[in-house]
N, C-alpha and C. Protein backbone atom coordinates (compact mmCIF):
# COMPACT_ATOMS: atom_id res chain seq x y z
N MET A 1 47.73 45.29 13.06
CA MET A 1 47.30 44.65 11.83
C MET A 1 46.41 43.45 12.12
N SER A 2 46.78 42.68 13.13
CA SER A 2 46.01 41.49 13.49
C SER A 2 44.60 41.87 13.87
N SER A 3 44.44 42.96 14.61
CA SER A 3 43.12 43.41 15.04
C SER A 3 42.27 43.78 13.83
N HIS A 4 42.88 44.39 12.83
CA HIS A 4 42.18 44.76 11.61
C HIS A 4 41.68 43.51 10.86
N LEU A 5 42.51 42.46 10.79
CA LEU A 5 42.13 41.21 10.12
C LEU A 5 41.02 40.50 10.89
N ASP A 6 41.08 40.58 12.22
CA ASP A 6 40.04 39.96 13.03
C ASP A 6 38.69 40.61 12.74
N LYS A 7 38.67 41.94 12.64
CA LYS A 7 37.42 42.63 12.35
C LYS A 7 36.93 42.26 10.96
N MET A 8 37.85 42.14 10.00
CA MET A 8 37.45 41.74 8.65
C MET A 8 36.88 40.34 8.64
N GLY A 9 37.52 39.44 9.40
CA GLY A 9 37.04 38.06 9.48
C GLY A 9 35.65 38.01 10.08
N PHE A 10 35.41 38.85 11.07
CA PHE A 10 34.10 38.90 11.70
C PHE A 10 33.05 39.36 10.71
N PHE A 11 33.38 40.39 9.96
CA PHE A 11 32.43 40.93 8.98
C PHE A 11 32.18 39.93 7.83
N LEU A 12 33.20 39.16 7.47
CA LEU A 12 33.02 38.18 6.40
C LEU A 12 32.30 36.94 6.89
N SER A 13 32.56 36.51 8.12
CA SER A 13 31.97 35.28 8.61
C SER A 13 30.48 35.45 8.95
N ARG A 14 30.08 36.63 9.34
CA ARG A 14 28.69 36.87 9.69
C ARG A 14 27.76 36.66 8.48
N PRO A 15 28.05 37.28 7.33
CA PRO A 15 27.19 37.02 6.16
C PRO A 15 27.27 35.55 5.71
N MET A 16 28.45 34.94 5.86
CA MET A 16 28.58 33.53 5.47
C MET A 16 27.71 32.65 6.37
N ASN A 17 27.69 32.94 7.67
CA ASN A 17 26.86 32.18 8.60
C ASN A 17 25.38 32.35 8.25
N GLU A 18 24.98 33.57 7.89
CA GLU A 18 23.60 33.81 7.49
C GLU A 18 23.26 33.06 6.21
N ASN A 19 24.20 33.05 5.26
CA ASN A 19 23.99 32.31 4.02
C ASN A 19 23.86 30.81 4.28
N VAL A 20 24.70 30.30 5.16
CA VAL A 20 24.64 28.88 5.49
C VAL A 20 23.30 28.57 6.15
N LYS A 21 22.87 29.44 7.06
CA LYS A 21 21.58 29.23 7.73
C LYS A 21 20.44 29.27 6.72
N LYS A 22 20.45 30.24 5.80
CA LYS A 22 19.42 30.33 4.77
C LYS A 22 19.43 29.09 3.88
N GLN A 23 20.62 28.61 3.56
CA GLN A 23 20.73 27.43 2.71
C GLN A 23 20.19 26.19 3.44
N GLN A 24 20.47 26.09 4.73
CA GLN A 24 19.95 24.97 5.50
C GLN A 24 18.42 25.03 5.58
N GLU A 25 17.87 26.22 5.77
CA GLU A 25 16.41 26.38 5.81
C GLU A 25 15.80 26.00 4.47
N PHE A 26 16.47 26.43 3.38
CA PHE A 26 15.98 26.09 2.04
C PHE A 26 16.01 24.58 1.83
N MET A 27 17.10 23.94 2.25
CA MET A 27 17.22 22.49 2.08
C MET A 27 16.15 21.75 2.90
N LEU A 28 15.87 22.24 4.11
CA LEU A 28 14.84 21.63 4.94
C LEU A 28 13.47 21.79 4.29
N MET A 29 13.18 22.99 3.79
CA MET A 29 11.91 23.23 3.13
C MET A 29 11.79 22.36 1.88
N ASN A 30 12.86 22.25 1.14
CA ASN A 30 12.87 21.43 -0.07
C ASN A 30 12.66 19.96 0.27
N SER A 31 13.27 19.49 1.35
CA SER A 31 13.09 18.10 1.78
C SER A 31 11.64 17.84 2.19
N LYS A 32 11.05 18.78 2.91
CA LYS A 32 9.65 18.63 3.32
C LYS A 32 8.74 18.60 2.09
N LEU A 33 8.99 19.48 1.13
CA LEU A 33 8.20 19.53 -0.09
C LEU A 33 8.33 18.21 -0.86
N GLN A 34 9.54 17.70 -0.95
CA GLN A 34 9.77 16.44 -1.66
C GLN A 34 9.04 15.28 -0.94
N LEU A 35 9.10 15.27 0.38
CA LEU A 35 8.41 14.23 1.14
C LEU A 35 6.90 14.32 0.95
N GLU A 36 6.36 15.53 0.97
CA GLU A 36 4.91 15.71 0.74
C GLU A 36 4.53 15.18 -0.64
N ARG A 37 5.35 15.47 -1.63
CA ARG A 37 5.06 14.98 -2.99
C ARG A 37 5.11 13.46 -3.04
N GLN A 38 6.09 12.86 -2.36
CA GLN A 38 6.19 11.40 -2.35
C GLN A 38 4.97 10.78 -1.68
N ILE A 39 4.54 11.36 -0.56
CA ILE A 39 3.38 10.85 0.15
C ILE A 39 2.14 10.95 -0.73
N LEU A 40 1.96 12.10 -1.38
CA LEU A 40 0.81 12.28 -2.27
C LEU A 40 0.85 11.31 -3.45
N MET A 41 2.04 11.12 -4.02
CA MET A 41 2.17 10.22 -5.15
C MET A 41 1.85 8.79 -4.72
N GLN A 42 2.38 8.36 -3.58
CA GLN A 42 2.11 7.00 -3.11
C GLN A 42 0.63 6.82 -2.81
N ASN A 43 -0.01 7.83 -2.25
CA ASN A 43 -1.44 7.71 -1.97
C ASN A 43 -2.25 7.65 -3.26
N GLN A 44 -1.88 8.45 -4.24
CA GLN A 44 -2.58 8.39 -5.53
C GLN A 44 -2.40 7.02 -6.19
N MET A 45 -1.21 6.46 -6.08
CA MET A 45 -0.98 5.13 -6.64
C MET A 45 -1.82 4.09 -5.90
N ARG A 46 -1.91 4.20 -4.58
CA ARG A 46 -2.72 3.28 -3.78
C ARG A 46 -4.18 3.40 -4.18
N GLU A 47 -4.66 4.64 -4.34
CA GLU A 47 -6.06 4.85 -4.74
C GLU A 47 -6.34 4.26 -6.11
N ARG A 48 -5.41 4.41 -7.03
CA ARG A 48 -5.59 3.85 -8.37
C ARG A 48 -5.61 2.33 -8.33
N GLN A 49 -4.74 1.74 -7.51
CA GLN A 49 -4.73 0.29 -7.40
C GLN A 49 -6.03 -0.22 -6.78
N MET A 50 -6.52 0.48 -5.77
CA MET A 50 -7.79 0.09 -5.15
C MET A 50 -8.94 0.23 -6.16
N ALA A 51 -8.94 1.30 -6.93
CA ALA A 51 -9.99 1.49 -7.94
C ALA A 51 -9.94 0.35 -8.96
N MET A 52 -8.75 -0.07 -9.35
CA MET A 52 -8.62 -1.19 -10.28
C MET A 52 -9.14 -2.47 -9.65
N GLN A 53 -8.88 -2.68 -8.38
CA GLN A 53 -9.35 -3.88 -7.70
C GLN A 53 -10.88 -3.90 -7.64
N ILE A 54 -11.48 -2.76 -7.32
CA ILE A 54 -12.94 -2.68 -7.27
C ILE A 54 -13.52 -2.89 -8.67
N ALA A 55 -12.91 -2.25 -9.67
CA ALA A 55 -13.37 -2.42 -11.05
C ALA A 55 -13.26 -3.88 -11.48
N TRP A 56 -12.16 -4.54 -11.10
CA TRP A 56 -11.99 -5.96 -11.44
C TRP A 56 -13.10 -6.78 -10.80
N SER A 57 -13.40 -6.50 -9.53
CA SER A 57 -14.46 -7.24 -8.83
C SER A 57 -15.80 -7.04 -9.52
N ARG A 58 -16.08 -5.82 -9.93
CA ARG A 58 -17.35 -5.55 -10.62
C ARG A 58 -17.42 -6.26 -11.96
N GLU A 59 -16.32 -6.24 -12.68
CA GLU A 59 -16.28 -6.91 -13.99
C GLU A 59 -16.42 -8.42 -13.82
N PHE A 60 -15.70 -8.97 -12.85
CA PHE A 60 -15.79 -10.41 -12.57
C PHE A 60 -17.21 -10.79 -12.19
N LEU A 61 -17.86 -9.92 -11.42
CA LEU A 61 -19.22 -10.18 -10.98
C LEU A 61 -20.18 -10.32 -12.16
N LYS A 62 -19.97 -9.53 -13.20
CA LYS A 62 -20.82 -9.63 -14.39
C LYS A 62 -20.75 -11.03 -14.99
N TYR A 63 -19.53 -11.53 -15.16
CA TYR A 63 -19.36 -12.86 -15.75
C TYR A 63 -19.81 -13.95 -14.81
N PHE A 64 -19.38 -13.84 -13.55
CA PHE A 64 -19.75 -14.86 -12.58
C PHE A 64 -21.25 -14.84 -12.32
N GLY A 65 -21.83 -13.64 -12.29
CA GLY A 65 -23.27 -13.52 -12.08
C GLY A 65 -24.05 -14.24 -13.16
N THR A 66 -23.61 -14.10 -14.39
CA THR A 66 -24.25 -14.80 -15.51
C THR A 66 -24.13 -16.31 -15.32
N PHE A 67 -22.91 -16.76 -15.02
CA PHE A 67 -22.69 -18.19 -14.77
C PHE A 67 -23.56 -18.68 -13.61
N TYR A 68 -23.60 -17.89 -12.55
CA TYR A 68 -24.35 -18.25 -11.36
C TYR A 68 -25.85 -18.44 -11.68
N VAL A 69 -26.42 -17.48 -12.38
CA VAL A 69 -27.84 -17.57 -12.73
C VAL A 69 -28.11 -18.80 -13.59
N LEU A 70 -27.27 -19.02 -14.60
CA LEU A 70 -27.45 -20.19 -15.46
C LEU A 70 -27.30 -21.49 -14.67
N ALA A 71 -26.30 -21.53 -13.78
CA ALA A 71 -26.07 -22.74 -12.97
C ALA A 71 -27.24 -23.00 -12.03
N VAL A 72 -27.74 -21.95 -11.37
CA VAL A 72 -28.87 -22.11 -10.45
C VAL A 72 -30.10 -22.60 -11.22
N LEU A 73 -30.37 -21.98 -12.35
CA LEU A 73 -31.53 -22.40 -13.15
C LEU A 73 -31.38 -23.85 -13.63
N GLY A 74 -30.21 -24.17 -14.15
CA GLY A 74 -29.97 -25.53 -14.66
C GLY A 74 -30.00 -26.57 -13.55
N LEU A 75 -29.35 -26.29 -12.44
CA LEU A 75 -29.32 -27.25 -11.33
C LEU A 75 -30.71 -27.41 -10.69
N THR A 76 -31.43 -26.31 -10.59
CA THR A 76 -32.79 -26.38 -10.04
C THR A 76 -33.70 -27.19 -10.95
N ALA A 77 -33.61 -26.90 -12.24
CA ALA A 77 -34.44 -27.65 -13.20
C ALA A 77 -34.07 -29.13 -13.18
N GLY A 78 -32.78 -29.42 -13.11
CA GLY A 78 -32.34 -30.83 -13.07
C GLY A 78 -32.79 -31.52 -11.80
N ALA A 79 -32.71 -30.81 -10.66
CA ALA A 79 -33.13 -31.39 -9.39
C ALA A 79 -34.63 -31.69 -9.38
N VAL A 80 -35.40 -30.77 -9.95
CA VAL A 80 -36.86 -30.96 -9.98
C VAL A 80 -37.23 -32.05 -10.99
N LYS A 81 -36.64 -31.98 -12.18
CA LYS A 81 -36.99 -32.91 -13.26
C LYS A 81 -36.61 -34.35 -12.91
N LYS A 82 -35.41 -34.51 -12.33
CA LYS A 82 -34.93 -35.87 -12.02
C LYS A 82 -35.29 -36.28 -10.59
N LYS A 83 -35.90 -35.36 -9.85
CA LYS A 83 -36.30 -35.61 -8.47
C LYS A 83 -35.09 -36.02 -7.62
N LYS A 84 -33.98 -35.30 -7.84
CA LYS A 84 -32.75 -35.52 -7.07
C LYS A 84 -32.33 -34.18 -6.45
N PRO A 85 -32.71 -33.93 -5.19
CA PRO A 85 -32.37 -32.66 -4.57
C PRO A 85 -30.85 -32.46 -4.40
N GLY A 86 -30.09 -33.51 -4.49
CA GLY A 86 -28.64 -33.42 -4.38
C GLY A 86 -28.01 -32.59 -5.49
N LEU A 87 -28.69 -32.50 -6.62
CA LEU A 87 -28.17 -31.68 -7.72
C LEU A 87 -28.17 -30.19 -7.37
N PHE A 88 -28.97 -29.84 -6.38
CA PHE A 88 -29.06 -28.43 -5.98
C PHE A 88 -27.91 -28.01 -5.05
N VAL A 89 -27.17 -28.97 -4.48
CA VAL A 89 -26.11 -28.70 -3.50
C VAL A 89 -25.04 -27.72 -4.00
N PRO A 90 -24.56 -27.80 -5.24
CA PRO A 90 -23.52 -26.84 -5.68
C PRO A 90 -23.96 -25.38 -5.64
N VAL A 91 -25.25 -25.14 -5.58
CA VAL A 91 -25.73 -23.76 -5.53
C VAL A 91 -25.28 -23.07 -4.24
N ILE A 92 -25.14 -23.84 -3.17
CA ILE A 92 -24.77 -23.26 -1.86
C ILE A 92 -23.39 -22.58 -1.91
N PRO A 93 -22.32 -23.30 -2.28
CA PRO A 93 -21.02 -22.60 -2.33
C PRO A 93 -20.97 -21.51 -3.40
N LEU A 94 -21.66 -21.74 -4.51
CA LEU A 94 -21.70 -20.71 -5.55
C LEU A 94 -22.36 -19.44 -5.02
N SER A 95 -23.35 -19.60 -4.16
CA SER A 95 -24.03 -18.44 -3.56
C SER A 95 -23.08 -17.64 -2.67
N PHE A 96 -22.23 -18.32 -1.93
CA PHE A 96 -21.26 -17.62 -1.09
C PHE A 96 -20.26 -16.82 -1.94
N ILE A 97 -19.80 -17.43 -3.01
CA ILE A 97 -18.87 -16.74 -3.91
C ILE A 97 -19.54 -15.52 -4.53
N PHE A 98 -20.78 -15.70 -4.99
CA PHE A 98 -21.52 -14.59 -5.58
C PHE A 98 -21.72 -13.46 -4.57
N ALA A 99 -22.11 -13.81 -3.35
CA ALA A 99 -22.33 -12.79 -2.30
C ALA A 99 -21.04 -12.05 -1.98
N TYR A 100 -19.92 -12.77 -1.90
CA TYR A 100 -18.63 -12.12 -1.63
C TYR A 100 -18.26 -11.14 -2.74
N GLN A 101 -18.38 -11.58 -3.97
CA GLN A 101 -18.02 -10.72 -5.10
C GLN A 101 -18.93 -9.49 -5.17
N TYR A 102 -20.22 -9.68 -4.89
CA TYR A 102 -21.14 -8.54 -4.89
C TYR A 102 -20.76 -7.56 -3.77
N ASP A 103 -20.46 -8.09 -2.60
CA ASP A 103 -20.07 -7.25 -1.46
C ASP A 103 -18.78 -6.49 -1.76
N MET A 104 -17.86 -7.13 -2.45
CA MET A 104 -16.59 -6.50 -2.81
C MET A 104 -16.81 -5.38 -3.82
N GLY A 105 -17.64 -5.62 -4.80
CA GLY A 105 -17.84 -4.65 -5.87
C GLY A 105 -18.84 -3.54 -5.56
N TYR A 106 -19.88 -3.86 -4.82
CA TYR A 106 -20.95 -2.89 -4.61
C TYR A 106 -21.35 -2.71 -3.14
N GLY A 107 -20.89 -3.59 -2.29
CA GLY A 107 -21.31 -3.55 -0.89
C GLY A 107 -20.35 -2.80 0.01
N THR A 108 -20.34 -3.20 1.27
CA THR A 108 -19.56 -2.50 2.29
C THR A 108 -18.32 -3.28 2.72
N LEU A 109 -17.93 -4.28 1.96
CA LEU A 109 -16.78 -5.09 2.34
C LEU A 109 -15.52 -4.24 2.55
N LEU A 110 -15.25 -3.33 1.64
CA LEU A 110 -14.03 -2.53 1.77
C LEU A 110 -14.05 -1.64 3.01
N GLN A 111 -15.21 -1.10 3.36
CA GLN A 111 -15.31 -0.29 4.57
C GLN A 111 -15.08 -1.15 5.81
N ARG A 112 -15.64 -2.36 5.81
CA ARG A 112 -15.43 -3.26 6.94
C ARG A 112 -13.97 -3.67 7.05
N MET A 113 -13.34 -3.92 5.91
CA MET A 113 -11.92 -4.28 5.92
C MET A 113 -11.08 -3.12 6.43
N LYS A 114 -11.42 -1.91 6.02
CA LYS A 114 -10.70 -0.73 6.50
C LYS A 114 -10.83 -0.59 8.01
N GLY A 115 -12.04 -0.78 8.52
CA GLY A 115 -12.26 -0.71 9.96
C GLY A 115 -11.45 -1.76 10.71
N GLU A 116 -11.42 -2.96 10.17
CA GLU A 116 -10.64 -4.04 10.81
C GLU A 116 -9.15 -3.73 10.75
N ALA A 117 -8.70 -3.18 9.63
CA ALA A 117 -7.28 -2.81 9.50
C ALA A 117 -6.91 -1.73 10.51
N GLU A 118 -7.79 -0.74 10.69
CA GLU A 118 -7.53 0.32 11.67
C GLU A 118 -7.46 -0.25 13.08
N LYS A 119 -8.34 -1.20 13.37
CA LYS A 119 -8.32 -1.85 14.69
C LYS A 119 -7.01 -2.60 14.91
N ILE A 120 -6.56 -3.30 13.88
CA ILE A 120 -5.28 -4.03 13.99
C ILE A 120 -4.14 -3.06 14.22
N LEU A 121 -4.12 -1.96 13.47
CA LEU A 121 -3.06 -0.97 13.64
C LEU A 121 -3.05 -0.38 15.05
N GLU A 122 -4.24 -0.17 15.62
CA GLU A 122 -4.34 0.45 16.93
C GLU A 122 -4.10 -0.52 18.08
N THR A 123 -4.60 -1.75 17.98
CA THR A 123 -4.56 -2.64 19.14
C THR A 123 -3.69 -3.87 18.97
N GLU A 124 -3.32 -4.20 17.75
CA GLU A 124 -2.52 -5.41 17.52
C GLU A 124 -1.31 -5.14 16.65
N SER A 125 -0.68 -4.01 16.86
CA SER A 125 0.43 -3.60 15.98
C SER A 125 1.61 -4.56 16.03
N THR A 126 1.73 -5.36 17.08
CA THR A 126 2.84 -6.32 17.14
C THR A 126 2.73 -7.37 16.03
N LEU A 127 1.53 -7.60 15.52
CA LEU A 127 1.36 -8.54 14.42
C LEU A 127 2.02 -8.04 13.14
N LEU A 128 2.27 -6.75 13.07
CA LEU A 128 2.79 -6.13 11.85
C LEU A 128 4.31 -6.05 11.81
N GLU A 129 4.96 -6.42 12.90
CA GLU A 129 6.41 -6.30 12.97
C GLU A 129 7.07 -7.29 12.02
N LEU A 130 8.10 -6.81 11.35
CA LEU A 130 8.85 -7.65 10.42
C LEU A 130 9.83 -8.54 11.18
N PRO A 131 10.08 -9.74 10.68
CA PRO A 131 11.13 -10.55 11.29
C PRO A 131 12.46 -9.81 11.15
N HIS A 132 13.26 -9.80 12.18
CA HIS A 132 14.54 -9.08 12.23
C HIS A 132 14.34 -7.57 12.22
N GLY A 133 13.14 -7.08 12.42
CA GLY A 133 12.90 -5.63 12.50
C GLY A 133 12.91 -4.95 11.14
N VAL A 134 12.84 -3.62 11.20
CA VAL A 134 12.83 -2.82 9.98
C VAL A 134 14.23 -2.84 9.37
N PRO A 135 14.33 -3.04 8.06
CA PRO A 135 15.65 -3.01 7.42
C PRO A 135 16.33 -1.66 7.64
N THR A 136 17.62 -1.70 7.87
CA THR A 136 18.39 -0.48 8.04
C THR A 136 19.38 -0.36 6.90
N PHE A 137 19.99 0.80 6.81
CA PHE A 137 21.01 0.99 5.78
C PHE A 137 22.11 -0.04 5.94
N GLU A 138 22.50 -0.30 7.18
CA GLU A 138 23.60 -1.24 7.44
C GLU A 138 23.25 -2.65 6.99
N THR A 139 22.02 -3.12 7.27
CA THR A 139 21.66 -4.48 6.87
C THR A 139 21.53 -4.60 5.36
N ILE A 140 21.02 -3.56 4.73
CA ILE A 140 20.91 -3.56 3.27
C ILE A 140 22.28 -3.53 2.63
N GLU A 141 23.15 -2.69 3.17
CA GLU A 141 24.51 -2.58 2.64
C GLU A 141 25.27 -3.88 2.83
N LYS A 142 25.09 -4.54 3.95
CA LYS A 142 25.74 -5.82 4.21
C LYS A 142 25.30 -6.85 3.18
N ALA A 143 23.99 -6.91 2.91
CA ALA A 143 23.46 -7.85 1.92
C ALA A 143 23.96 -7.49 0.52
N ARG A 144 24.02 -6.20 0.22
CA ARG A 144 24.50 -5.77 -1.09
C ARG A 144 25.95 -6.17 -1.29
N ARG A 145 26.75 -5.97 -0.27
CA ARG A 145 28.18 -6.34 -0.37
C ARG A 145 28.34 -7.84 -0.54
N ALA A 146 27.51 -8.61 0.12
CA ALA A 146 27.59 -10.07 0.01
C ALA A 146 27.25 -10.54 -1.40
N GLN A 147 26.38 -9.81 -2.10
CA GLN A 147 25.98 -10.20 -3.45
C GLN A 147 26.79 -9.55 -4.54
N SER A 148 27.43 -8.45 -4.21
CA SER A 148 28.07 -7.63 -5.23
C SER A 148 29.24 -8.33 -5.90
N LYS A 149 29.32 -8.18 -7.20
CA LYS A 149 30.43 -8.70 -7.98
C LYS A 149 31.46 -7.59 -8.23
N PHE A 150 31.05 -6.34 -7.95
CA PHE A 150 31.90 -5.21 -8.28
C PHE A 150 32.65 -4.66 -7.08
N PHE A 151 32.16 -4.91 -5.89
CA PHE A 151 32.72 -4.30 -4.70
C PHE A 151 33.29 -5.37 -3.80
N ILE A 152 34.58 -5.35 -3.64
CA ILE A 152 35.22 -6.34 -2.75
C ILE A 152 35.84 -5.58 -1.60
N GLU A 153 35.38 -5.92 -0.40
CA GLU A 153 35.88 -5.24 0.80
C GLU A 153 36.65 -6.26 1.63
N LYS A 154 37.82 -5.87 2.06
CA LYS A 154 38.63 -6.78 2.87
C LYS A 154 38.63 -6.35 4.30
């Protein structure tokens, strides 16, 4: 009788092992799919935020550009009319601000920043390390327990 039950157990455990293996493969595939979706979603959010930043720079440039032109014209006219070249001095820093905003909105500033960021990632990655390292489940849980009003552990 025992031999008969052993054979039955073998026949029952084999399909169960296959089902467990299939379920594990499904869970792995599902995890990969979920991770791909998260990566794509985060990248789309990053792209949208960058687009908003560029749009903000372009919009700011319109207002600042108008101010800049009026200031340059007014300061130049005042410097010439009153024969005081010192009135023209504020145009210098305003020109730097205008050039930066133009470069941000329409120039190559973002490409240069990307190149510099890639260089930092490749050659100076130690600058990116967090104090106390990357947070772990244990450090987060420890902090949560210290703050929690609901969970008291002795």
